[in-house]
Amino acid sequence: MDMALDTAGFARCPFRLSPAALGEVCELFAAMGSVQPGMRIDPRPLREMAALVPVQSAAATRLGVDARPVRALLFDKHDGANWSLGWHQDRTIEVAAQVRVAGFGPFTRKQGRLHVAPPVGIIERMLTVRVHVDAVDDDNGPLIVAPGSHRLGYIAEASIASVVDRCGETACVADTGDVWFYATPILHRSGRAIAGRRRRVLQVDYAHDPLPGGLAWAADA
């Protein structure tokens, strides 16, 4: 898995969550509204979730023993909340307070949670994990990635099309309980799910390193 992550920027984990573990993950979605496509949640309680123990262990093996969840999102595509996203990179992190540090900015609030765009080196030392509550095939809004694009730093919007042409694209299909790991800066997109389908995903960003200059991950506050 590490070689695939280093080379392509994504890999399916060798383990799959059990039905009991998935049940615990499903409980996180209870707070979402029926027309809410995504929700940002406090990542701190995820450290204690029994369902995510194997994920935490794998993340620590990859990043270091202090690896922990620093941002978490719930995505729920269904007939009442369906959407597509064009090619992009995840470029922000969730922090505890606004502190001026060279190379970090701008600060923004997303669903009331404070974020900042860091230097690309911070993003490159993170790991993104997606836990699939529902099976995802080509018709159910899979994540589509550009293999190897995680090694190109921040990619200018005008260059995205040429990068995708060069790298190609791969759809990350999944069975119920599958877990995928991604290099956080990988270029990715997703399409709409077809009518009558549902696609629930818990996405968690893991990090190991502290932030510089007085900045702190929101998860460490």
Protein backbone atom coordinates (compact mmCIF):
# COMPACT_ATOMS: atom_id res chain seq x y z
CA MET A 1 0.00 0.00 0.00
CA ASP A 2 2.82 2.43 0.82
CA MET A 3 4.40 1.96 -2.60
CA ALA A 4 1.08 2.63 -4.32
CA LEU A 5 0.57 5.73 -2.19
CA ASP A 6 4.03 7.02 -2.98
CA THR A 7 3.77 6.33 -6.71
CA ALA A 8 0.13 6.79 -7.67
CA GLY A 9 -1.07 8.73 -4.63
CA PHE A 10 -3.92 6.38 -3.68
CA ALA A 11 -4.45 2.80 -2.53
CA ARG A 12 -7.25 0.57 -1.30
CA CYS A 13 -6.54 -0.65 2.24
CA PRO A 14 -6.03 -4.39 2.74
CA PHE A 15 -8.75 -4.45 5.41
CA ARG A 16 -12.48 -3.79 5.31
CA LEU A 17 -14.60 -2.53 8.20
CA SER A 18 -16.91 -5.08 9.79
CA PRO A 19 -20.71 -4.57 9.82
CA ALA A 20 -20.48 -3.64 13.51
CA ALA A 21 -17.79 -1.04 12.82
CA LEU A 22 -19.80 0.36 9.91
CA GLY A 23 -22.79 0.66 12.21
CA GLU A 24 -20.75 2.92 14.47
CA VAL A 25 -19.70 5.04 11.48
CA CYS A 26 -23.32 5.24 10.29
CA GLU A 27 -24.33 6.87 13.57
CA LEU A 28 -22.27 9.92 12.60
CA PHE A 29 -24.67 10.64 9.72
CA ALA A 30 -27.73 10.93 11.97
CA ALA A 31 -27.11 14.65 12.52
CA MET A 32 -27.11 15.47 8.79
CA GLY A 33 -30.13 17.13 7.23
CA SER A 34 -31.90 15.33 4.40
CA VAL A 35 -30.83 17.95 1.84
CA GLN A 36 -27.36 18.56 3.27
CA PRO A 37 -24.71 17.21 0.88
CA GLY A 38 -21.83 17.38 3.34
CA MET A 39 -21.07 18.23 6.94
CA ARG A 40 -17.83 19.05 8.74
CA ILE A 41 -17.55 17.43 12.14
CA ASP A 42 -15.21 17.62 15.12
CA PRO A 43 -12.42 15.12 14.39
CA ARG A 44 -11.40 14.67 18.04
CA PRO A 45 -14.02 12.03 19.00
CA LEU A 46 -12.84 9.89 16.08
CA ARG A 47 -9.67 9.10 18.03
CA GLU A 48 -11.76 7.03 20.44
CA MET A 49 -14.00 5.29 17.89
CA ALA A 50 -13.51 1.54 18.00
CA ALA A 51 -14.52 1.35 14.34
CA LEU A 52 -11.52 3.41 13.30
CA VAL A 53 -8.83 1.61 15.33
CA PRO A 54 -7.43 -0.19 12.25
CA VAL A 55 -7.51 3.06 10.29
CA GLN A 56 -5.68 4.91 13.06
CA SER A 57 -3.08 2.15 13.23
CA ALA A 58 -2.50 2.21 9.48
CA ALA A 59 -2.23 6.00 9.47
CA ALA A 60 0.32 5.87 12.29
CA THR A 61 2.36 3.31 10.36
CA ARG A 62 2.38 5.67 7.40
CA LEU A 63 2.87 9.04 9.13
CA GLY A 64 4.30 8.30 12.58
CA VAL A 65 3.08 7.35 16.03
CA ASP A 66 1.57 10.79 16.70
CA ALA A 67 -0.72 10.61 13.65
CA ARG A 68 -4.23 11.71 14.55
CA PRO A 69 -7.41 12.89 12.79
CA VAL A 70 -7.24 16.65 12.21
CA ARG A 71 -10.25 17.19 9.95
CA ALA A 72 -13.37 15.15 9.24
CA LEU A 73 -16.23 15.43 6.77
CA LEU A 74 -19.38 13.45 6.08
CA PHE A 75 -20.62 13.15 2.50
CA ASP A 76 -24.06 11.77 1.68
CA LYS A 77 -25.12 11.70 -1.97
CA HIS A 78 -28.72 10.68 -2.61
CA ASP A 79 -31.74 11.86 -4.58
CA GLY A 80 -32.39 14.77 -2.22
CA ALA A 81 -28.75 15.94 -2.13
CA ASN A 82 -26.82 15.08 -5.26
CA TRP A 83 -23.89 16.98 -6.70
CA SER A 84 -20.74 16.81 -8.75
CA LEU A 85 -17.33 18.41 -8.19
CA GLY A 86 -14.79 19.35 -10.83
CA TRP A 87 -11.07 18.68 -10.64
CA HIS A 88 -9.45 20.24 -7.57
CA GLN A 89 -6.96 19.73 -4.74
CA ASP A 90 -7.74 19.92 -1.02
CA ARG A 91 -5.72 22.95 0.07
CA THR A 92 -6.96 23.95 3.52
CA ILE A 93 -6.52 22.66 7.05
CA GLU A 94 -8.65 23.21 10.15
CA VAL A 95 -6.99 25.29 12.87
CA ALA A 96 -7.83 26.36 16.40
CA ALA A 97 -7.28 30.11 16.09
CA GLN A 98 -6.22 32.74 13.60
CA VAL A 99 -2.49 33.37 14.00
CA ARG A 100 -0.39 35.17 11.43
CA VAL A 101 2.38 32.90 10.13
CA ALA A 102 4.32 33.45 6.93
CA GLY A 103 3.05 31.24 4.12
CA PHE A 104 -0.34 30.55 5.72
CA GLY A 105 -3.46 32.23 4.40
CA PRO A 106 -6.11 33.25 3.73
CA PHE A 107 -8.22 32.20 6.71
CA THR A 108 -11.81 31.16 5.98
CA ARG A 109 -14.74 29.70 7.92
CA LYS A 110 -16.45 26.62 6.55
CA GLN A 111 -19.64 25.66 8.37
CA GLY A 112 -18.35 27.70 11.30
CA ARG A 113 -14.99 25.87 11.48
CA LEU A 114 -11.80 27.91 10.97
CA HIS A 115 -9.57 26.91 8.06
CA VAL A 116 -6.40 28.24 6.51
CA ALA A 117 -4.45 27.46 3.36
CA PRO A 118 -0.94 26.28 4.40
CA PRO A 119 2.25 25.86 2.39
CA VAL A 120 2.05 22.77 0.22
CA GLY A 121 4.62 20.97 2.40
CA ILE A 122 2.02 20.70 5.17
CA ILE A 123 -0.52 19.12 2.82
CA GLU A 124 2.11 16.75 1.43
CA ARG A 125 2.77 15.33 4.90
CA MET A 126 -0.90 14.49 5.50
CA LEU A 127 -3.02 11.47 4.68
CA THR A 128 -6.66 11.45 3.58
CA VAL A 129 -8.81 8.43 4.41
CA ARG A 130 -12.24 7.65 2.97
CA VAL A 131 -14.46 5.07 4.68
CA HIS A 132 -17.28 3.80 2.44
CA VAL A 133 -20.57 3.09 4.16
CA ASP A 134 -22.22 2.25 0.83
CA ALA A 135 -20.92 0.37 -2.18
CA VAL A 136 -19.67 2.71 -4.91
CA ASP A 137 -19.53 1.71 -8.56
CA ASP A 138 -19.08 3.85 -11.66
CA ASP A 139 -22.72 5.03 -11.43
CA ASN A 140 -22.66 6.01 -7.76
CA GLY A 141 -20.45 9.10 -7.74
CA PRO A 142 -17.03 7.51 -7.13
CA LEU A 143 -14.01 9.64 -6.38
CA ILE A 144 -11.94 9.99 -9.54
CA VAL A 145 -8.25 10.78 -9.15
CA ALA A 146 -5.35 11.74 -11.40
CA PRO A 147 -2.59 9.23 -10.51
CA GLY A 148 0.74 10.83 -9.65
CA SER A 149 -0.64 14.38 -9.48
CA HIS A 150 0.15 14.50 -5.73
CA ARG A 151 3.84 14.90 -6.62
CA LEU A 152 3.34 18.15 -8.53
CA GLY A 153 2.79 20.58 -5.63
CA TYR A 154 -0.05 23.06 -5.89
CA ILE A 155 -1.38 22.92 -9.44
CA ALA A 156 -2.52 26.16 -11.07
CA GLU A 157 -6.14 26.04 -12.23
CA ALA A 158 -5.05 26.81 -15.80
CA SER A 159 -2.80 23.74 -15.75
CA ILE A 160 -5.30 21.21 -14.39
CA ALA A 161 -6.57 20.00 -17.76
CA SER A 162 -3.07 19.34 -19.06
CA VAL A 163 -2.07 17.56 -15.83
CA VAL A 164 -5.11 15.27 -16.10
CA ASP A 165 -4.30 14.58 -19.77
CA ARG A 166 -0.78 13.59 -18.75
CA CYS A 167 -1.64 11.60 -15.60
CA GLY A 168 -4.89 10.05 -16.74
CA GLU A 169 -7.75 9.32 -14.35
CA THR A 170 -8.90 6.40 -12.22
CA ALA A 171 -12.28 5.83 -10.57
CA CYS A 172 -12.00 4.56 -6.99
CA VAL A 173 -14.89 2.11 -6.77
CA ALA A 174 -15.57 0.46 -3.44
CA ASP A 175 -17.56 -2.22 -1.68
CA THR A 176 -19.39 -1.57 1.57
CA GLY A 177 -16.80 -1.16 4.32
CA ASP A 178 -13.89 -0.50 1.99
CA VAL A 179 -11.29 2.06 3.06
CA TRP A 180 -9.17 4.06 0.62
CA PHE A 181 -6.04 6.04 1.48
CA TYR A 182 -4.97 9.09 -0.52
CA ALA A 183 -2.06 11.48 -0.60
CA THR A 184 -3.93 14.61 0.47
CA PRO A 185 -2.78 16.87 -2.42
CA ILE A 186 -3.92 14.45 -5.16
CA LEU A 187 -6.03 16.02 -7.90
CA HIS A 188 -9.56 14.61 -7.77
CA ARG A 189 -13.19 15.05 -8.79
CA SER A 190 -16.51 13.22 -8.46
CA GLY A 191 -19.75 12.96 -10.41
CA ARG A 192 -23.40 12.76 -9.45
CA ALA A 193 -24.92 9.49 -8.35
CA ILE A 194 -27.71 8.11 -10.53
CA ALA A 195 -31.29 8.24 -9.28
CA GLY A 196 -32.16 5.86 -6.48
CA ARG A 197 -28.59 5.38 -5.26
CA ARG A 198 -26.91 6.53 -2.04
CA ARG A 199 -23.23 7.18 -1.35
CA ARG A 200 -22.17 7.84 2.23
CA VAL A 201 -18.50 8.46 2.92
CA LEU A 202 -16.61 9.46 6.05
CA GLN A 203 -13.51 11.38 5.02
CA VAL A 204 -10.79 11.95 7.61
CA ASP A 205 -7.52 13.85 7.22
CA TYR A 206 -4.65 12.61 9.39
CA ALA A 207 -1.49 14.52 10.33
CA HIS A 208 1.54 13.86 12.49
CA ASP A 209 3.50 17.11 12.64
CA PRO A 210 2.68 20.15 14.81
CA LEU A 211 2.02 23.45 13.06
CA PRO A 212 4.60 26.28 13.23
CA GLY A 213 4.55 29.78 14.68
CA GLY A 214 1.81 29.35 17.28
CA LEU A 215 -0.73 27.86 14.92
CA ALA A 216 -2.45 24.71 16.18
CA TRP A 217 -4.65 22.08 14.61
CA ALA A 218 -8.24 22.52 15.77
CA ALA A 219 -8.12 18.87 16.82
CA ASP A 220 -5.34 19.67 19.31
CA ALA A 221 -7.15 22.56 20.98
